[in-house]
Amino acid sequence: MKIVVLDSHTLNPGDLSWEALQALGDTHIYDRTPNDRILERCPEDTNVIVSNKAFVSKEIMSSLPHLKLIAVSATGMNNVDLEAAKDLGIKVMNVPAYGTMSVAQHTFALLLELTNQVALHNQSVQNGDWSHNPDWCYFKKPLTELLGKTFGIVGLGNIGQAVARIALAMGMQVIAHHKHPERDQMDGVRFVSLEDIFTQSDVVSLHCPLTESNKAFVNWERLSQMKAAAFLINTARGALIEEKDLKRALENDVIAGAALDVLSVEPPPTDHILLGVKNCIITPHNAWLSRESRQRLMDQLVENVRSVL
């Protein structure tokens, strides 16, 4: 069997092993593959394509008569023409839920940075501010305790539920807006309308998939409904937020802060509208990137390929 891995680097920059996949067949691994070089790197006898972001189009599938499986090394499958795959009888398999706890952990890393300003105070100490301070303690920005605060979750799937459990353990009140409240009930979580999420929450955290109907749904109207002391967190998809409206909200103190692991364009241009905006923390879409999470992804990816072969 011939296996081609088109964009391996984000999954395995060198700290994991490809041996289990390589044991299944003749495996060709590329760190990154531009879309216009996919066919060049997939011989006619390719049986399996592994792709994270490289787009596998109908043209590519039609050109590979022996292709049996497109193994997506991620949860989302928008990098595959799914209709074409179905028409051509090519199986498409993804890997769900591998990063649940890593993303939930990162969500609270972002929130705690907003509430406790750890980086700011570490830098202040390193700059000598503590050594020259007349008092034994001080703060550069106000600190916020989470006990009793209301945590609003948009999307109570696997990650949203993991986040809810952490919030409950910290003594927060948890409310959620979700497509399937009957199916996904949780002790301690109260389901409310989307409007209530934004008006009642001290923290709003996004954990929903991106669809045509919710693109840029966090806009000026929603942000204006939030408490002035509230925080917005997004570890889902950047396009859920209308970024120009978020910039306006932050610059005018409509909300207290935002922490984002995702942006509408990734990587962002150097003049991205949210870079350098006050009270806006941005991490490079790495909430899922713990070694443990990537190992789970690798293991399930191998099982997906093995199940077809």
C-alpha atoms as a PDB file:
ATOM      1  CA  MET A   1       0.000   0.000   0.000  1.00  0.00           C
ATOM      2  CA  LYS A   2       1.187   3.514  -0.776  1.00  0.00           C
ATOM      3  CA  ILE A   3       0.526   6.255   1.773  1.00  0.00           C
ATOM      4  CA  VAL A   4       1.274   9.963   1.237  1.00  0.00           C
ATOM      5  CA  VAL A   5       1.312  12.403   4.174  1.00  0.00           C
ATOM      6  CA  LEU A   6       0.925  15.877   2.701  1.00  0.00           C
ATOM      7  CA  ASP A   7       1.419  18.193   5.699  1.00  0.00           C
ATOM      8  CA  SER A   8       2.986  16.438   8.653  1.00  0.00           C
ATOM      9  CA  HIS A   9       4.757  19.237  10.510  1.00  0.00           C
ATOM     10  CA  THR A  10       2.011  20.555  12.795  1.00  0.00           C
ATOM     11  CA  LEU A  11       1.137  17.037  13.950  1.00  0.00           C
ATOM     12  CA  ASN A  12       4.713  15.865  14.296  1.00  0.00           C
ATOM     13  CA  PRO A  13       7.483  18.467  14.237  1.00  0.00           C
ATOM     14  CA  GLY A  14       9.919  15.744  15.301  1.00  0.00           C
ATOM     15  CA  ASP A  15       8.917  14.611  18.780  1.00  0.00           C
ATOM     16  CA  LEU A  16       6.593  11.760  17.711  1.00  0.00           C
ATOM     17  CA  SER A  17       7.216   8.621  15.659  1.00  0.00           C
ATOM     18  CA  TRP A  18       5.776   7.726  12.258  1.00  0.00           C
ATOM     19  CA  GLU A  19       6.797   4.077  12.640  1.00  0.00           C
ATOM     20  CA  ALA A  20       3.278   2.736  13.228  1.00  0.00           C
ATOM     21  CA  LEU A  21       2.011   4.375  10.034  1.00  0.00           C
ATOM     22  CA  GLN A  22       5.096   3.379   8.068  1.00  0.00           C
ATOM     23  CA  ALA A  23       4.516  -0.243   9.093  1.00  0.00           C
ATOM     24  CA  LEU A  24       1.268  -0.211   7.123  1.00  0.00           C
ATOM     25  CA  GLY A  25       2.834   0.498   3.761  1.00  0.00           C
ATOM     26  CA  ASP A  26       5.190   2.499   1.563  1.00  0.00           C
ATOM     27  CA  THR A  27       4.885   5.893   3.287  1.00  0.00           C
ATOM     28  CA  HIS A  28       6.020   9.245   1.894  1.00  0.00           C
ATOM     29  CA  ILE A  29       5.992  12.092   4.407  1.00  0.00           C
ATOM     30  CA  TYR A  30       6.142  15.800   3.555  1.00  0.00           C
ATOM     31  CA  ASP A  31       6.303  18.595   6.135  1.00  0.00           C
ATOM     32  CA  ARG A  32       4.140  20.913   4.015  1.00  0.00           C
ATOM     33  CA  THR A  33       2.559  20.649   0.577  1.00  0.00           C
ATOM     34  CA  PRO A  34       1.153  23.617  -1.350  1.00  0.00           C
ATOM     35  CA  ASN A  35      -2.145  22.795  -3.022  1.00  0.00           C
ATOM     36  CA  ASP A  36      -0.607  23.126  -6.466  1.00  0.00           C
ATOM     37  CA  ARG A  37       1.930  20.379  -5.691  1.00  0.00           C
ATOM     38  CA  ILE A  38      -0.398  17.728  -4.274  1.00  0.00           C
ATOM     39  CA  LEU A  39      -0.701  15.721  -7.482  1.00  0.00           C
ATOM     40  CA  GLU A  40       3.035  15.978  -8.045  1.00  0.00           C
ATOM     41  CA  ARG A  41       3.616  14.293  -4.679  1.00  0.00           C
ATOM     42  CA  CYS A  42       0.892  11.657  -5.024  1.00  0.00           C
ATOM     43  CA  PRO A  43       1.886   8.903  -7.477  1.00  0.00           C
ATOM     44  CA  GLU A  44      -0.888   7.340  -9.536  1.00  0.00           C
ATOM     45  CA  ASP A  45      -0.838   4.224  -7.330  1.00  0.00           C
ATOM     46  CA  THR A  46      -1.455   6.186  -4.075  1.00  0.00           C
ATOM     47  CA  ASN A  47      -3.946   4.360  -1.845  1.00  0.00           C
ATOM     48  CA  VAL A  48      -4.089   6.721   1.153  1.00  0.00           C
ATOM     49  CA  ILE A  49      -3.698  10.488   1.454  1.00  0.00           C
ATOM     50  CA  VAL A  50      -3.150  11.957   4.919  1.00  0.00           C
ATOM     51  CA  SER A  51      -3.947  15.658   5.056  1.00  0.00           C
ATOM     52  CA  ASN A  52      -4.441  18.275   7.737  1.00  0.00           C
ATOM     53  CA  LYS A  53      -5.020  21.464   5.747  1.00  0.00           C
ATOM     54  CA  ALA A  54      -3.939  20.663   2.166  1.00  0.00           C
ATOM     55  CA  PHE A  55      -7.116  20.654   0.077  1.00  0.00           C
ATOM     56  CA  VAL A  56      -7.971  17.365  -1.603  1.00  0.00           C
ATOM     57  CA  SER A  57     -10.155  18.339  -4.548  1.00  0.00           C
ATOM     58  CA  LYS A  58     -12.292  16.368  -6.980  1.00  0.00           C
ATOM     59  CA  GLU A  59      -9.580  16.827  -9.603  1.00  0.00           C
ATOM     60  CA  ILE A  60      -6.989  15.212  -7.342  1.00  0.00           C
ATOM     61  CA  MET A  61      -9.260  12.295  -6.413  1.00  0.00           C
ATOM     62  CA  SER A  62     -10.212  11.690 -10.045  1.00  0.00           C
ATOM     63  CA  SER A  63      -6.532  11.541 -10.978  1.00  0.00           C
ATOM     64  CA  LEU A  64      -5.753   8.789  -8.461  1.00  0.00           C
ATOM     65  CA  PRO A  65      -7.631   5.617  -9.509  1.00  0.00           C
ATOM     66  CA  HIS A  66      -6.297   3.533  -6.603  1.00  0.00           C
ATOM     67  CA  LEU A  67      -7.135   6.050  -3.852  1.00  0.00           C
ATOM     68  CA  LYS A  68      -9.174   4.347  -1.103  1.00  0.00           C
ATOM     69  CA  LEU A  69      -8.924   6.712   1.866  1.00  0.00           C
ATOM     70  CA  ILE A  70      -8.383  10.360   2.706  1.00  0.00           C
ATOM     71  CA  ALA A  71      -7.323  10.355   6.352  1.00  0.00           C
ATOM     72  CA  VAL A  72      -7.780  13.832   7.815  1.00  0.00           C
ATOM     73  CA  SER A  73      -5.339  14.450  10.651  1.00  0.00           C
ATOM     74  CA  ALA A  74      -7.826  16.765  12.377  1.00  0.00           C
ATOM     75  CA  THR A  75     -11.482  16.928  13.374  1.00  0.00           C
ATOM     76  CA  GLY A  76     -12.727  19.348  10.731  1.00  0.00           C
ATOM     77  CA  MET A  77     -12.998  17.990   7.179  1.00  0.00           C
ATOM     78  CA  ASN A  78     -13.410  21.200   5.206  1.00  0.00           C
ATOM     79  CA  ASN A  79     -10.112  20.453   3.427  1.00  0.00           C
ATOM     80  CA  VAL A  80     -11.780  17.650   1.432  1.00  0.00           C
ATOM     81  CA  ASP A  81     -14.408  17.819  -1.320  1.00  0.00           C
ATOM     82  CA  LEU A  82     -16.726  15.454   0.543  1.00  0.00           C
ATOM     83  CA  GLU A  83     -19.329  15.232  -2.224  1.00  0.00           C
ATOM     84  CA  ALA A  84     -16.692  14.227  -4.758  1.00  0.00           C
ATOM     85  CA  ALA A  85     -15.283  11.628  -2.372  1.00  0.00           C
ATOM     86  CA  LYS A  86     -18.743  10.134  -1.892  1.00  0.00           C
ATOM     87  CA  ASP A  87     -19.385  10.034  -5.645  1.00  0.00           C
ATOM     88  CA  LEU A  88     -16.030   8.351  -6.273  1.00  0.00           C
ATOM     89  CA  GLY A  89     -16.391   5.845  -3.453  1.00  0.00           C
ATOM     90  CA  ILE A  90     -13.412   7.195  -1.513  1.00  0.00           C
ATOM     91  CA  LYS A  91     -13.678   6.977   2.252  1.00  0.00           C
ATOM     92  CA  VAL A  92     -12.924  10.103   4.325  1.00  0.00           C
ATOM     93  CA  MET A  93     -12.081   9.646   8.008  1.00  0.00           C
ATOM     94  CA  ASN A  94     -11.287  12.299  10.606  1.00  0.00           C
ATOM     95  CA  VAL A  95     -10.104  12.160  14.234  1.00  0.00           C
ATOM     96  CA  PRO A  96     -12.610  13.632  16.709  1.00  0.00           C
ATOM     97  CA  ALA A  97     -12.050  14.557  20.350  1.00  0.00           C
ATOM     98  CA  TYR A  98      -8.264  14.029  20.492  1.00  0.00           C
ATOM     99  CA  GLY A  99      -7.589  17.518  21.880  1.00  0.00           C
ATOM    100  CA  THR A 100     -10.519  17.956  24.244  1.00  0.00           C
ATOM    101  CA  MET A 101      -8.599  18.331  27.502  1.00  0.00           C
ATOM    102  CA  SER A 102      -5.726  20.284  25.956  1.00  0.00           C
ATOM    103  CA  VAL A 103      -8.122  22.887  24.521  1.00  0.00           C
ATOM    104  CA  ALA A 104     -10.084  23.056  27.788  1.00  0.00           C
ATOM    105  CA  GLN A 105      -6.829  23.580  29.691  1.00  0.00           C
ATOM    106  CA  HIS A 106      -5.742  26.300  27.267  1.00  0.00           C
ATOM    107  CA  THR A 107      -9.110  28.014  27.650  1.00  0.00           C
ATOM    108  CA  PHE A 108      -8.408  28.475  31.339  1.00  0.00           C
ATOM    109  CA  ALA A 109      -4.780  29.407  30.730  1.00  0.00           C
ATOM    110  CA  LEU A 110      -6.115  32.294  28.652  1.00  0.00           C
ATOM    111  CA  LEU A 111      -8.758  33.199  31.215  1.00  0.00           C
ATOM    112  CA  LEU A 112      -6.305  33.139  34.126  1.00  0.00           C
ATOM    113  CA  GLU A 113      -3.935  35.365  32.197  1.00  0.00           C
ATOM    114  CA  LEU A 114      -6.786  37.861  31.811  1.00  0.00           C
ATOM    115  CA  THR A 115      -7.760  37.675  35.476  1.00  0.00           C
ATOM    116  CA  ASN A 116      -4.315  37.399  37.120  1.00  0.00           C
ATOM    117  CA  GLN A 117      -1.988  39.141  34.648  1.00  0.00           C
ATOM    118  CA  VAL A 118       0.830  36.671  35.331  1.00  0.00           C
ATOM    119  CA  ALA A 119       3.002  37.675  32.370  1.00  0.00           C
ATOM    120  CA  LEU A 120       2.646  41.380  33.155  1.00  0.00           C
ATOM    121  CA  HIS A 121       3.665  40.932  36.780  1.00  0.00           C
ATOM    122  CA  ASN A 122       6.527  38.579  35.988  1.00  0.00           C
ATOM    123  CA  GLN A 123       7.919  41.133  33.553  1.00  0.00           C
ATOM    124  CA  SER A 124       7.486  43.863  36.154  1.00  0.00           C
ATOM    125  CA  VAL A 125       9.514  41.849  38.683  1.00  0.00           C
ATOM    126  CA  GLN A 126      12.186  41.056  36.085  1.00  0.00           C
ATOM    127  CA  ASN A 127      12.386  44.788  35.326  1.00  0.00           C
ATOM    128  CA  GLY A 128      13.212  45.506  38.982  1.00  0.00           C
ATOM    129  CA  ASP A 129       9.881  47.026  39.989  1.00  0.00           C
ATOM    130  CA  TRP A 130       9.492  44.764  43.047  1.00  0.00           C
ATOM    131  CA  SER A 131      13.049  45.348  44.204  1.00  0.00           C
ATOM    132  CA  HIS A 132      12.448  49.099  44.218  1.00  0.00           C
ATOM    133  CA  ASN A 133       8.888  49.013  45.553  1.00  0.00           C
ATOM    134  CA  PRO A 134       8.215  50.604  48.965  1.00  0.00           C
ATOM    135  CA  ASP A 135       5.696  47.840  49.770  1.00  0.00           C
ATOM    136  CA  TRP A 136       6.055  44.066  49.992  1.00  0.00           C
ATOM    137  CA  CYS A 137       3.374  43.540  47.345  1.00  0.00           C
ATOM    138  CA  TYR A 138       1.719  45.484  44.534  1.00  0.00           C
ATOM    139  CA  PHE A 139      -0.294  45.039  41.340  1.00  0.00           C
ATOM    140  CA  LYS A 140       0.005  46.661  37.925  1.00  0.00           C
ATOM    141  CA  LYS A 141      -3.561  45.807  36.907  1.00  0.00           C
ATOM    142  CA  PRO A 142      -6.528  44.769  39.052  1.00  0.00           C
ATOM    143  CA  LEU A 143      -6.824  41.031  39.728  1.00  0.00           C
ATOM    144  CA  THR A 144     -10.160  39.205  39.439  1.00  0.00           C
ATOM    145  CA  GLU A 145     -11.416  36.227  41.451  1.00  0.00           C
ATOM    146  CA  LEU A 146     -13.518  33.703  39.518  1.00  0.00           C
ATOM    147  CA  LEU A 147     -15.480  32.248  42.448  1.00  0.00           C
ATOM    148  CA  GLY A 148     -19.163  32.980  41.969  1.00  0.00           C
ATOM    149  CA  LYS A 149     -18.718  34.545  38.537  1.00  0.00           C
ATOM    150  CA  THR A 150     -20.900  33.398  35.629  1.00  0.00           C
ATOM    151  CA  PHE A 151     -19.201  31.426  32.865  1.00  0.00           C
ATOM    152  CA  GLY A 152     -21.144  31.367  29.592  1.00  0.00           C
ATOM    153  CA  ILE A 153     -20.392  28.651  27.045  1.00  0.00           C
ATOM    154  CA  VAL A 154     -21.509  28.744  23.420  1.00  0.00           C
ATOM    155  CA  GLY A 155     -21.437  25.130  22.244  1.00  0.00           C
ATOM    156  CA  LEU A 156     -21.558  22.350  24.837  1.00  0.00           C
ATOM    157  CA  GLY A 157     -19.895  19.562  22.873  1.00  0.00           C
ATOM    158  CA  ASN A 158     -16.923  17.552  24.143  1.00  0.00           C
ATOM    159  CA  ILE A 159     -14.699  20.589  24.681  1.00  0.00           C
ATOM    160  CA  GLY A 160     -17.504  22.768  26.030  1.00  0.00           C
ATOM    161  CA  GLN A 161     -18.379  20.082  28.570  1.00  0.00           C
ATOM    162  CA  ALA A 162     -14.748  19.748  29.674  1.00  0.00           C
ATOM    163  CA  VAL A 163     -14.561  23.530  30.096  1.00  0.00           C
ATOM    164  CA  ALA A 164     -17.815  23.482  32.078  1.00  0.00           C
ATOM    165  CA  ARG A 165     -16.408  20.894  34.492  1.00  0.00           C
ATOM    166  CA  ILE A 166     -13.356  23.064  35.176  1.00  0.00           C
ATOM    167  CA  ALA A 167     -15.496  26.173  35.650  1.00  0.00           C
ATOM    168  CA  LEU A 168     -17.766  24.328  38.088  1.00  0.00           C
ATOM    169  CA  ALA A 169     -14.726  23.054  40.010  1.00  0.00           C
ATOM    170  CA  MET A 170     -13.608  26.682  40.403  1.00  0.00           C
ATOM    171  CA  GLY A 171     -16.939  27.621  41.958  1.00  0.00           C
ATOM    172  CA  MET A 172     -18.356  29.422  38.936  1.00  0.00           C
ATOM    173  CA  GLN A 173     -21.972  29.493  37.803  1.00  0.00           C
ATOM    174  CA  VAL A 174     -22.146  27.885  34.351  1.00  0.00           C
ATOM    175  CA  ILE A 175     -24.708  28.704  31.677  1.00  0.00           C
ATOM    176  CA  ALA A 176     -24.666  27.406  28.110  1.00  0.00           C
ATOM    177  CA  HIS A 177     -26.258  27.859  24.711  1.00  0.00           C
ATOM    178  CA  HIS A 178     -26.303  24.662  22.673  1.00  0.00           C
ATOM    179  CA  LYS A 179     -28.118  23.082  19.729  1.00  0.00           C
ATOM    180  CA  HIS A 180     -28.965  19.906  21.638  1.00  0.00           C
ATOM    181  CA  PRO A 181     -29.719  20.813  25.281  1.00  0.00           C
ATOM    182  CA  GLU A 182     -31.859  17.698  25.843  1.00  0.00           C
ATOM    183  CA  ARG A 183     -29.130  15.367  24.624  1.00  0.00           C
ATOM    184  CA  ASP A 184     -26.212  17.049  26.386  1.00  0.00           C
ATOM    185  CA  GLN A 185     -27.587  17.967  29.802  1.00  0.00           C
ATOM    186  CA  MET A 186     -24.990  18.413  32.545  1.00  0.00           C
ATOM    187  CA  ASP A 187     -25.384  18.705  36.278  1.00  0.00           C
ATOM    188  CA  GLY A 188     -24.724  22.287  37.308  1.00  0.00           C
ATOM    189  CA  VAL A 189     -25.149  23.726  33.789  1.00  0.00           C
ATOM    190  CA  ARG A 190     -28.209  25.798  32.933  1.00  0.00           C
ATOM    191  CA  PHE A 191     -29.193  26.249  29.284  1.00  0.00           C
ATOM    192  CA  VAL A 192     -30.178  29.775  28.251  1.00  0.00           C
ATOM    193  CA  SER A 193     -30.716  31.827  25.114  1.00  0.00           C
ATOM    194  CA  LEU A 194     -27.800  33.261  23.171  1.00  0.00           C
ATOM    195  CA  GLU A 195     -28.799  36.742  24.300  1.00  0.00           C
ATOM    196  CA  ASP A 196     -28.647  35.640  27.941  1.00  0.00           C
ATOM    197  CA  ILE A 197     -25.150  34.239  27.419  1.00  0.00           C
ATOM    198  CA  PHE A 198     -23.892  37.682  26.437  1.00  0.00           C
ATOM    199  CA  THR A 199     -25.896  39.747  28.920  1.00  0.00           C
ATOM    200  CA  GLN A 200     -25.444  37.545  32.012  1.00  0.00           C
ATOM    201  CA  SER A 201     -21.909  36.160  31.693  1.00  0.00           C
ATOM    202  CA  ASP A 202     -18.728  37.460  33.266  1.00  0.00           C
ATOM    203  CA  VAL A 203     -16.858  35.208  30.843  1.00  0.00           C
ATOM    204  CA  VAL A 204     -18.109  34.162  27.393  1.00  0.00           C
ATOM    205  CA  SER A 205     -16.217  31.228  25.874  1.00  0.00           C
ATOM    206  CA  LEU A 206     -16.792  29.983  22.310  1.00  0.00           C
ATOM    207  CA  HIS A 207     -16.722  26.213  21.660  1.00  0.00           C
ATOM    208  CA  CYS A 208     -19.031  25.852  18.664  1.00  0.00           C
ATOM    209  CA  PRO A 209     -18.220  24.809  15.090  1.00  0.00           C
ATOM    210  CA  LEU A 210     -18.133  27.463  12.380  1.00  0.00           C
ATOM    211  CA  THR A 211     -21.120  27.382  10.020  1.00  0.00           C
ATOM    212  CA  GLU A 212     -22.573  29.733   7.461  1.00  0.00           C
ATOM    213  CA  SER A 213     -25.286  30.697   9.944  1.00  0.00           C
ATOM    214  CA  ASN A 214     -22.969  31.705  12.806  1.00  0.00           C
ATOM    215  CA  LYS A 215     -20.122  33.347  10.904  1.00  0.00           C
ATOM    216  CA  ALA A 216     -19.198  36.631  12.657  1.00  0.00           C
ATOM    217  CA  PHE A 217     -22.143  36.220  15.066  1.00  0.00           C
ATOM    218  CA  VAL A 218     -20.047  37.832  17.821  1.00  0.00           C
ATOM    219  CA  ASN A 219     -20.513  41.316  16.432  1.00  0.00           C
ATOM    220  CA  TRP A 220     -20.990  44.817  17.803  1.00  0.00           C
ATOM    221  CA  GLU A 221     -24.564  44.060  18.855  1.00  0.00           C
ATOM    222  CA  ARG A 222     -23.481  41.048  20.916  1.00  0.00           C
ATOM    223  CA  LEU A 223     -20.395  42.719  22.352  1.00  0.00           C
ATOM    224  CA  SER A 224     -22.451  45.742  23.372  1.00  0.00           C
ATOM    225  CA  GLN A 225     -24.697  43.436  25.409  1.00  0.00           C
ATOM    226  CA  MET A 226     -21.792  42.200  27.550  1.00  0.00           C
ATOM    227  CA  LYS A 227     -20.866  43.501  30.970  1.00  0.00           C
ATOM    228  CA  ALA A 228     -18.104  46.106  30.980  1.00  0.00           C
ATOM    229  CA  ALA A 229     -16.003  43.842  33.232  1.00  0.00           C
ATOM    230  CA  ALA A 230     -16.588  40.724  31.106  1.00  0.00           C
ATOM    231  CA  PHE A 231     -14.050  38.700  29.120  1.00  0.00           C
ATOM    232  CA  LEU A 232     -14.414  36.984  25.728  1.00  0.00           C
ATOM    233  CA  ILE A 233     -12.471  33.783  24.963  1.00  0.00           C
ATOM    234  CA  ASN A 234     -12.285  32.027  21.600  1.00  0.00           C
ATOM    235  CA  THR A 235     -10.530  28.688  21.114  1.00  0.00           C
ATOM    236  CA  ALA A 236     -12.948  27.559  18.376  1.00  0.00           C
ATOM    237  CA  ARG A 237     -12.738  29.365  15.015  1.00  0.00           C
ATOM    238  CA  GLY A 238     -11.628  32.918  14.340  1.00  0.00           C
ATOM    239  CA  ALA A 239     -14.407  33.709  11.885  1.00  0.00           C
ATOM    240  CA  LEU A 240     -16.998  33.395  14.659  1.00  0.00           C
ATOM    241  CA  ILE A 241     -16.000  36.944  15.660  1.00  0.00           C
ATOM    242  CA  GLU A 242     -16.371  40.135  13.653  1.00  0.00           C
ATOM    243  CA  GLU A 243     -12.838  41.283  14.413  1.00  0.00           C
ATOM    244  CA  LYS A 244     -13.276  44.971  13.626  1.00  0.00           C
ATOM    245  CA  ASP A 245     -16.130  45.084  16.127  1.00  0.00           C
ATOM    246  CA  LEU A 246     -14.026  43.339  18.773  1.00  0.00           C
ATOM    247  CA  LYS A 247     -11.236  45.875  18.256  1.00  0.00           C
ATOM    248  CA  ARG A 248     -13.734  48.703  18.689  1.00  0.00           C
ATOM    249  CA  ALA A 249     -15.144  47.088  21.842  1.00  0.00           C
ATOM    250  CA  LEU A 250     -11.709  46.669  23.411  1.00  0.00           C
ATOM    251  CA  GLU A 251     -10.451  50.118  22.506  1.00  0.00           C
ATOM    252  CA  ASN A 252     -13.584  51.724  23.937  1.00  0.00           C
ATOM    253  CA  ASP A 253     -13.706  49.595  27.121  1.00  0.00           C
ATOM    254  CA  VAL A 254     -17.018  48.038  26.158  1.00  0.00           C
ATOM    255  CA  ILE A 255     -15.588  44.773  27.536  1.00  0.00           C
ATOM    256  CA  ALA A 256     -12.601  44.253  29.806  1.00  0.00           C
ATOM    257  CA  GLY A 257     -10.578  41.900  27.630  1.00  0.00           C
ATOM    258  CA  ALA A 258     -10.396  39.131  25.070  1.00  0.00           C
ATOM    259  CA  ALA A 259      -8.188  36.068  24.685  1.00  0.00           C
ATOM    260  CA  LEU A 260      -8.031  34.348  21.314  1.00  0.00           C
ATOM    261  CA  ASP A 261      -6.296  31.215  20.087  1.00  0.00           C
ATOM    262  CA  VAL A 262      -7.763  31.607  16.607  1.00  0.00           C
ATOM    263  CA  LEU A 263      -8.117  34.379  14.052  1.00  0.00           C
ATOM    264  CA  SER A 264     -10.079  34.723  10.818  1.00  0.00           C
ATOM    265  CA  VAL A 265      -6.846  34.502   8.785  1.00  0.00           C
ATOM    266  CA  GLU A 266      -4.082  32.128   9.899  1.00  0.00           C
ATOM    267  CA  PRO A 267      -1.240  32.943   9.920  1.00  0.00           C
ATOM    268  CA  PRO A 268      -2.364  36.569  10.307  1.00  0.00           C
ATOM    269  CA  PRO A 269      -0.829  39.375   8.247  1.00  0.00           C
ATOM    270  CA  THR A 270       1.570  41.604  10.152  1.00  0.00           C
ATOM    271  CA  ASP A 271      -1.027  44.393  10.068  1.00  0.00           C
ATOM    272  CA  HIS A 272      -3.891  42.241  11.358  1.00  0.00           C
ATOM    273  CA  ILE A 273      -6.549  44.414  12.941  1.00  0.00           C
ATOM    274  CA  LEU A 274      -6.253  42.819  16.414  1.00  0.00           C
ATOM    275  CA  LEU A 275      -2.478  42.791  16.763  1.00  0.00           C
ATOM    276  CA  GLY A 276      -1.396  45.304  19.391  1.00  0.00           C
ATOM    277  CA  VAL A 277      -4.934  46.026  20.593  1.00  0.00           C
ATOM    278  CA  LYS A 278      -5.079  46.650  24.348  1.00  0.00           C
ATOM    279  CA  ASN A 279      -6.365  43.885  26.610  1.00  0.00           C
ATOM    280  CA  CYS A 280      -6.282  41.388  23.733  1.00  0.00           C
ATOM    281  CA  ILE A 281      -4.248  38.199  24.227  1.00  0.00           C
ATOM    282  CA  ILE A 282      -3.547  36.111  21.120  1.00  0.00           C
ATOM    283  CA  THR A 283      -1.919  32.675  20.937  1.00  0.00           C
ATOM    284  CA  PRO A 284      -1.044  30.950  17.608  1.00  0.00           C
ATOM    285  CA  HIS A 285      -3.828  28.335  17.336  1.00  0.00           C
ATOM    286  CA  ASN A 286      -1.863  26.059  19.650  1.00  0.00           C
ATOM    287  CA  ALA A 287      -4.494  25.095  22.233  1.00  0.00           C
ATOM    288  CA  TRP A 288      -4.513  21.559  20.792  1.00  0.00           C
ATOM    289  CA  LEU A 289      -0.739  21.205  20.436  1.00  0.00           C
ATOM    290  CA  SER A 290       0.215  19.406  23.634  1.00  0.00           C
ATOM    291  CA  ARG A 291       2.342  16.335  22.970  1.00  0.00           C
ATOM    292  CA  GLU A 292      -0.307  14.155  24.591  1.00  0.00           C
ATOM    293  CA  SER A 293      -3.013  15.512  22.312  1.00  0.00           C
ATOM    294  CA  ARG A 294      -0.905  15.023  19.196  1.00  0.00           C
ATOM    295  CA  GLN A 295      -0.042  11.468  20.236  1.00  0.00           C
ATOM    296  CA  ARG A 296      -3.739  10.635  20.548  1.00  0.00           C
ATOM    297  CA  LEU A 297      -4.269  12.130  17.105  1.00  0.00           C
ATOM    298  CA  MET A 298      -1.403  10.086  15.674  1.00  0.00           C
ATOM    299  CA  ASP A 299      -2.675   6.858  17.259  1.00  0.00           C
ATOM    300  CA  GLN A 300      -6.204   7.297  15.940  1.00  0.00           C
ATOM    301  CA  LEU A 301      -4.925   8.332  12.516  1.00  0.00           C
ATOM    302  CA  VAL A 302      -2.996   5.073  12.277  1.00  0.00           C
ATOM    303  CA  GLU A 303      -6.073   3.107  13.370  1.00  0.00           C
ATOM    304  CA  ASN A 304      -8.157   4.856  10.700  1.00  0.00           C
ATOM    305  CA  VAL A 305      -5.677   3.860   7.989  1.00  0.00           C
ATOM    306  CA  ARG A 306      -5.391   0.317   9.346  1.00  0.00           C
ATOM    307  CA  SER A 307      -9.174  -0.113   9.423  1.00  0.00           C
ATOM    308  CA  VAL A 308      -9.414   0.610   5.693  1.00  0.00           C
ATOM    309  CA  LEU A 309      -6.349  -1.269   4.558  1.00  0.00           C
END
